[in-house]
Amino acid sequence: MEQLITHACGHEQAHYLAGYASQQERKARWLQTTSCRACFIAGKKAAQAEAATRDGAAVAHLDLPRLAGSDRQVAWATTIRASRLATMIADHETTLGWQACLAATDAKWWIDHRELPNADLLAMAATASARVGSLVAATPDPAARQAA
């Protein structure tokens, strides 16, 4: 059954309420205490923008390398990286370890590892930077190849 609900924000929105009459009434009362969908989304976007600004300011002093990937990946990974680095810098237990994360320039890497705990993220970053370092060391220098 569809009911027109006036939300706490003052906006009206139609909701389909299923179940027994008592369940519908309970759901309608609860919906009246919440924001409408548009206000909920606007509030969530504002909170995300505020967090991104705060995290960006916390890592602004770092010389972060440019991320590689599609435009959409880079945009998402930039916010993930700023948030994670800001958290690690503020955490005194990971004071030195976060620098290994600076070597991770692949946007996909940041997206794939976004939910790891800080300790695991630092371990993955150290492993990835060691792997990149060994590949660079194993690659012959172009100038040395031309001289030979």
C-alpha atoms as a PDB file:
ATOM      1  CA  MET A   1       0.000   0.000   0.000  1.00  0.00           C
ATOM      2  CA  GLU A   2       1.411   3.373  -0.977  1.00  0.00           C
ATOM      3  CA  GLN A   3       1.266   6.204   1.557  1.00  0.00           C
ATOM      4  CA  LEU A   4       2.315   9.826   1.349  1.00  0.00           C
ATOM      5  CA  ILE A   5       4.688  10.469   4.270  1.00  0.00           C
ATOM      6  CA  THR A   6       5.772  13.891   5.549  1.00  0.00           C
ATOM      7  CA  HIS A   7       9.381  13.456   6.640  1.00  0.00           C
ATOM      8  CA  ALA A   8      11.247  15.249   9.438  1.00  0.00           C
ATOM      9  CA  CYS A   9      12.772  17.586   6.848  1.00  0.00           C
ATOM     10  CA  GLY A  10       9.269  18.742   5.838  1.00  0.00           C
ATOM     11  CA  HIS A  11       9.247  17.117   2.409  1.00  0.00           C
ATOM     12  CA  GLU A  12       6.562  14.668   1.356  1.00  0.00           C
ATOM     13  CA  GLN A  13       7.408  11.411  -0.343  1.00  0.00           C
ATOM     14  CA  ALA A  14       5.353   8.407  -1.429  1.00  0.00           C
ATOM     15  CA  HIS A  15       6.386   5.091   0.124  1.00  0.00           C
ATOM     16  CA  TYR A  16       5.124   1.597  -0.527  1.00  0.00           C
ATOM     17  CA  LEU A  17       4.396   0.031   2.843  1.00  0.00           C
ATOM     18  CA  ALA A  18       3.823  -3.716   2.937  1.00  0.00           C
ATOM     19  CA  GLY A  19       2.741  -5.981   5.764  1.00  0.00           C
ATOM     20  CA  TYR A  20      -0.036  -5.973   8.317  1.00  0.00           C
ATOM     21  CA  ALA A  21      -1.730  -2.702   9.278  1.00  0.00           C
ATOM     22  CA  SER A  22       0.263  -2.503  12.524  1.00  0.00           C
ATOM     23  CA  GLN A  23       3.527  -2.974  10.595  1.00  0.00           C
ATOM     24  CA  GLN A  24       2.533  -0.296   8.090  1.00  0.00           C
ATOM     25  CA  GLU A  25       1.685   2.151  10.881  1.00  0.00           C
ATOM     26  CA  ARG A  26       4.983   1.460  12.655  1.00  0.00           C
ATOM     27  CA  LYS A  27       6.929   1.949   9.406  1.00  0.00           C
ATOM     28  CA  ALA A  28       5.007   5.175   8.645  1.00  0.00           C
ATOM     29  CA  ARG A  29       5.792   6.557  12.127  1.00  0.00           C
ATOM     30  CA  TRP A  30       9.465   5.689  11.688  1.00  0.00           C
ATOM     31  CA  LEU A  31       9.625   7.270   8.211  1.00  0.00           C
ATOM     32  CA  GLN A  32       8.231  10.507   9.683  1.00  0.00           C
ATOM     33  CA  THR A  33      11.335  10.733  11.891  1.00  0.00           C
ATOM     34  CA  THR A  34      13.772  10.408   8.967  1.00  0.00           C
ATOM     35  CA  SER A  35      14.809  12.678   6.112  1.00  0.00           C
ATOM     36  CA  CYS A  36      13.393  12.210   2.632  1.00  0.00           C
ATOM     37  CA  ARG A  37      15.579  10.507   0.045  1.00  0.00           C
ATOM     38  CA  ALA A  38      16.717  13.780  -1.569  1.00  0.00           C
ATOM     39  CA  CYS A  39      17.722  15.325   1.776  1.00  0.00           C
ATOM     40  CA  PHE A  40      19.422  12.101   2.882  1.00  0.00           C
ATOM     41  CA  ILE A  41      21.517  11.993  -0.302  1.00  0.00           C
ATOM     42  CA  ALA A  42      22.344  15.717  -0.075  1.00  0.00           C
ATOM     43  CA  GLY A  43      23.443  15.301   3.548  1.00  0.00           C
ATOM     44  CA  LYS A  44      25.569  12.292   2.699  1.00  0.00           C
ATOM     45  CA  LYS A  45      27.262  14.118  -0.201  1.00  0.00           C
ATOM     46  CA  ALA A  46      27.933  17.137   2.023  1.00  0.00           C
ATOM     47  CA  ALA A  47      29.499  14.905   4.686  1.00  0.00           C
ATOM     48  CA  GLN A  48      31.665  13.194   2.057  1.00  0.00           C
ATOM     49  CA  ALA A  49      32.777  16.560   0.645  1.00  0.00           C
ATOM     50  CA  GLU A  50      33.640  17.805   4.139  1.00  0.00           C
ATOM     51  CA  ALA A  51      35.634  14.646   4.879  1.00  0.00           C
ATOM     52  CA  ALA A  52      37.451  14.912   1.542  1.00  0.00           C
ATOM     53  CA  THR A  53      38.360  18.544   2.251  1.00  0.00           C
ATOM     54  CA  ARG A  54      39.570  17.675   5.760  1.00  0.00           C
ATOM     55  CA  ASP A  55      41.618  14.710   4.522  1.00  0.00           C
ATOM     56  CA  GLY A  56      43.010  16.736   1.625  1.00  0.00           C
ATOM     57  CA  ALA A  57      44.175  19.436   4.026  1.00  0.00           C
ATOM     58  CA  ALA A  58      45.801  16.810   6.266  1.00  0.00           C
ATOM     59  CA  VAL A  59      47.926  15.458   3.403  1.00  0.00           C
ATOM     60  CA  ALA A  60      48.441  18.728   1.512  1.00  0.00           C
ATOM     61  CA  HIS A  61      52.017  19.020   2.791  1.00  0.00           C
ATOM     62  CA  LEU A  62      52.951  15.698   1.160  1.00  0.00           C
ATOM     63  CA  ASP A  63      54.326  15.593  -2.354  1.00  0.00           C
ATOM     64  CA  LEU A  64      51.955  12.876  -3.554  1.00  0.00           C
ATOM     65  CA  PRO A  65      52.721  11.293  -6.923  1.00  0.00           C
ATOM     66  CA  ARG A  66      50.045  11.360  -9.596  1.00  0.00           C
ATOM     67  CA  LEU A  67      47.844   8.264  -9.698  1.00  0.00           C
ATOM     68  CA  ALA A  68      47.582   6.179 -12.869  1.00  0.00           C
ATOM     69  CA  GLY A  69      44.275   4.818 -14.159  1.00  0.00           C
ATOM     70  CA  SER A  70      41.060   5.955 -15.758  1.00  0.00           C
ATOM     71  CA  ASP A  71      39.658   9.348 -14.775  1.00  0.00           C
ATOM     72  CA  ARG A  72      36.982   7.706 -12.669  1.00  0.00           C
ATOM     73  CA  GLN A  73      39.486   5.410 -10.925  1.00  0.00           C
ATOM     74  CA  VAL A  74      41.855   8.306 -10.231  1.00  0.00           C
ATOM     75  CA  ALA A  75      39.062  10.456  -8.762  1.00  0.00           C
ATOM     76  CA  TRP A  76      37.928   7.666  -6.441  1.00  0.00           C
ATOM     77  CA  ALA A  77      41.429   6.517  -5.509  1.00  0.00           C
ATOM     78  CA  THR A  78      42.515  10.093  -4.732  1.00  0.00           C
ATOM     79  CA  THR A  79      39.864  10.385  -2.022  1.00  0.00           C
ATOM     80  CA  ILE A  80      40.691   6.899  -0.706  1.00  0.00           C
ATOM     81  CA  ARG A  81      44.423   7.670  -0.592  1.00  0.00           C
ATOM     82  CA  ALA A  82      43.919  11.040   1.118  1.00  0.00           C
ATOM     83  CA  SER A  83      41.612   9.506   3.714  1.00  0.00           C
ATOM     84  CA  ARG A  84      43.881   6.555   4.457  1.00  0.00           C
ATOM     85  CA  LEU A  85      47.069   8.649   4.611  1.00  0.00           C
ATOM     86  CA  ALA A  86      45.391  11.244   6.854  1.00  0.00           C
ATOM     87  CA  THR A  87      44.339   8.443   9.205  1.00  0.00           C
ATOM     88  CA  MET A  88      47.818   6.898   9.210  1.00  0.00           C
ATOM     89  CA  ILE A  89      49.588  10.210   9.747  1.00  0.00           C
ATOM     90  CA  ALA A  90      47.310  10.993  12.703  1.00  0.00           C
ATOM     91  CA  ASP A  91      47.900   7.501  14.138  1.00  0.00           C
ATOM     92  CA  HIS A  92      51.179   7.563  16.037  1.00  0.00           C
ATOM     93  CA  GLU A  93      51.696   3.798  15.657  1.00  0.00           C
ATOM     94  CA  THR A  94      52.110   4.094  11.871  1.00  0.00           C
ATOM     95  CA  THR A  95      54.241   7.233  11.866  1.00  0.00           C
ATOM     96  CA  LEU A  96      56.983   5.857   9.638  1.00  0.00           C
ATOM     97  CA  GLY A  97      55.165   3.095   7.798  1.00  0.00           C
ATOM     98  CA  TRP A  98      52.796   5.309   5.817  1.00  0.00           C
ATOM     99  CA  GLN A  99      55.684   6.477   3.635  1.00  0.00           C
ATOM    100  CA  ALA A 100      55.668   3.072   1.896  1.00  0.00           C
ATOM    101  CA  CYS A 101      52.174   3.939   0.659  1.00  0.00           C
ATOM    102  CA  LEU A 102      53.544   6.925  -1.249  1.00  0.00           C
ATOM    103  CA  ALA A 103      55.074   4.547  -3.795  1.00  0.00           C
ATOM    104  CA  ALA A 104      51.646   3.135  -4.716  1.00  0.00           C
ATOM    105  CA  THR A 105      50.664   5.149  -7.788  1.00  0.00           C
ATOM    106  CA  ASP A 106      48.178   2.736  -9.336  1.00  0.00           C
ATOM    107  CA  ALA A 107      44.602   3.888  -8.687  1.00  0.00           C
ATOM    108  CA  LYS A 108      43.410   0.283  -8.912  1.00  0.00           C
ATOM    109  CA  TRP A 109      45.735  -0.677  -6.042  1.00  0.00           C
ATOM    110  CA  TRP A 110      44.168   1.918  -3.737  1.00  0.00           C
ATOM    111  CA  ILE A 111      40.641   0.887  -4.730  1.00  0.00           C
ATOM    112  CA  ASP A 112      41.341  -2.835  -4.309  1.00  0.00           C
ATOM    113  CA  HIS A 113      42.903  -2.340  -0.862  1.00  0.00           C
ATOM    114  CA  ARG A 114      40.549   0.371   0.469  1.00  0.00           C
ATOM    115  CA  GLU A 115      39.025  -1.792   3.204  1.00  0.00           C
ATOM    116  CA  LEU A 116      42.225  -3.287   4.615  1.00  0.00           C
ATOM    117  CA  PRO A 117      43.203  -2.388   8.175  1.00  0.00           C
ATOM    118  CA  ASN A 118      46.147   0.027   8.395  1.00  0.00           C
ATOM    119  CA  ALA A 119      48.635  -2.682   9.384  1.00  0.00           C
ATOM    120  CA  ASP A 120      47.681  -4.858   6.400  1.00  0.00           C
ATOM    121  CA  LEU A 121      47.679  -1.879   4.033  1.00  0.00           C
ATOM    122  CA  LEU A 122      51.188  -0.949   5.166  1.00  0.00           C
ATOM    123  CA  ALA A 123      52.358  -4.541   4.657  1.00  0.00           C
ATOM    124  CA  MET A 124      50.857  -4.622   1.149  1.00  0.00           C
ATOM    125  CA  ALA A 125      52.444  -1.257   0.322  1.00  0.00           C
ATOM    126  CA  ALA A 126      55.857  -2.431   1.549  1.00  0.00           C
ATOM    127  CA  THR A 127      55.545  -5.612  -0.524  1.00  0.00           C
ATOM    128  CA  ALA A 128      54.454  -3.666  -3.597  1.00  0.00           C
ATOM    129  CA  SER A 129      57.252  -1.098  -3.272  1.00  0.00           C
ATOM    130  CA  ALA A 130      59.832  -3.871  -2.764  1.00  0.00           C
ATOM    131  CA  ARG A 131      58.533  -5.620  -5.885  1.00  0.00           C
ATOM    132  CA  VAL A 132      58.728  -2.390  -7.919  1.00  0.00           C
ATOM    133  CA  GLY A 133      62.210  -1.708  -6.552  1.00  0.00           C
ATOM    134  CA  SER A 134      63.444  -5.145  -7.591  1.00  0.00           C
ATOM    135  CA  LEU A 135      61.962  -4.704 -11.077  1.00  0.00           C
ATOM    136  CA  VAL A 136      63.684  -1.348 -11.484  1.00  0.00           C
ATOM    137  CA  ALA A 137      66.987  -2.809 -10.270  1.00  0.00           C
ATOM    138  CA  ALA A 138      66.674  -5.773 -12.666  1.00  0.00           C
ATOM    139  CA  THR A 139      65.894  -3.565 -15.666  1.00  0.00           C
ATOM    140  CA  PRO A 140      69.088  -2.651 -17.520  1.00  0.00           C
ATOM    141  CA  ASP A 141      69.930   1.023 -17.726  1.00  0.00           C
ATOM    142  CA  PRO A 142      69.209   2.316 -21.279  1.00  0.00           C
ATOM    143  CA  ALA A 143      72.445   4.350 -21.257  1.00  0.00           C
ATOM    144  CA  ALA A 144      74.463   1.259 -20.303  1.00  0.00           C
ATOM    145  CA  ARG A 145      72.860  -0.719 -23.152  1.00  0.00           C
ATOM    146  CA  GLN A 146      73.810   1.942 -25.705  1.00  0.00           C
ATOM    147  CA  ALA A 147      77.417   2.084 -24.453  1.00  0.00           C
ATOM    148  CA  ALA A 148      77.840  -1.678 -24.917  1.00  0.00           C
END
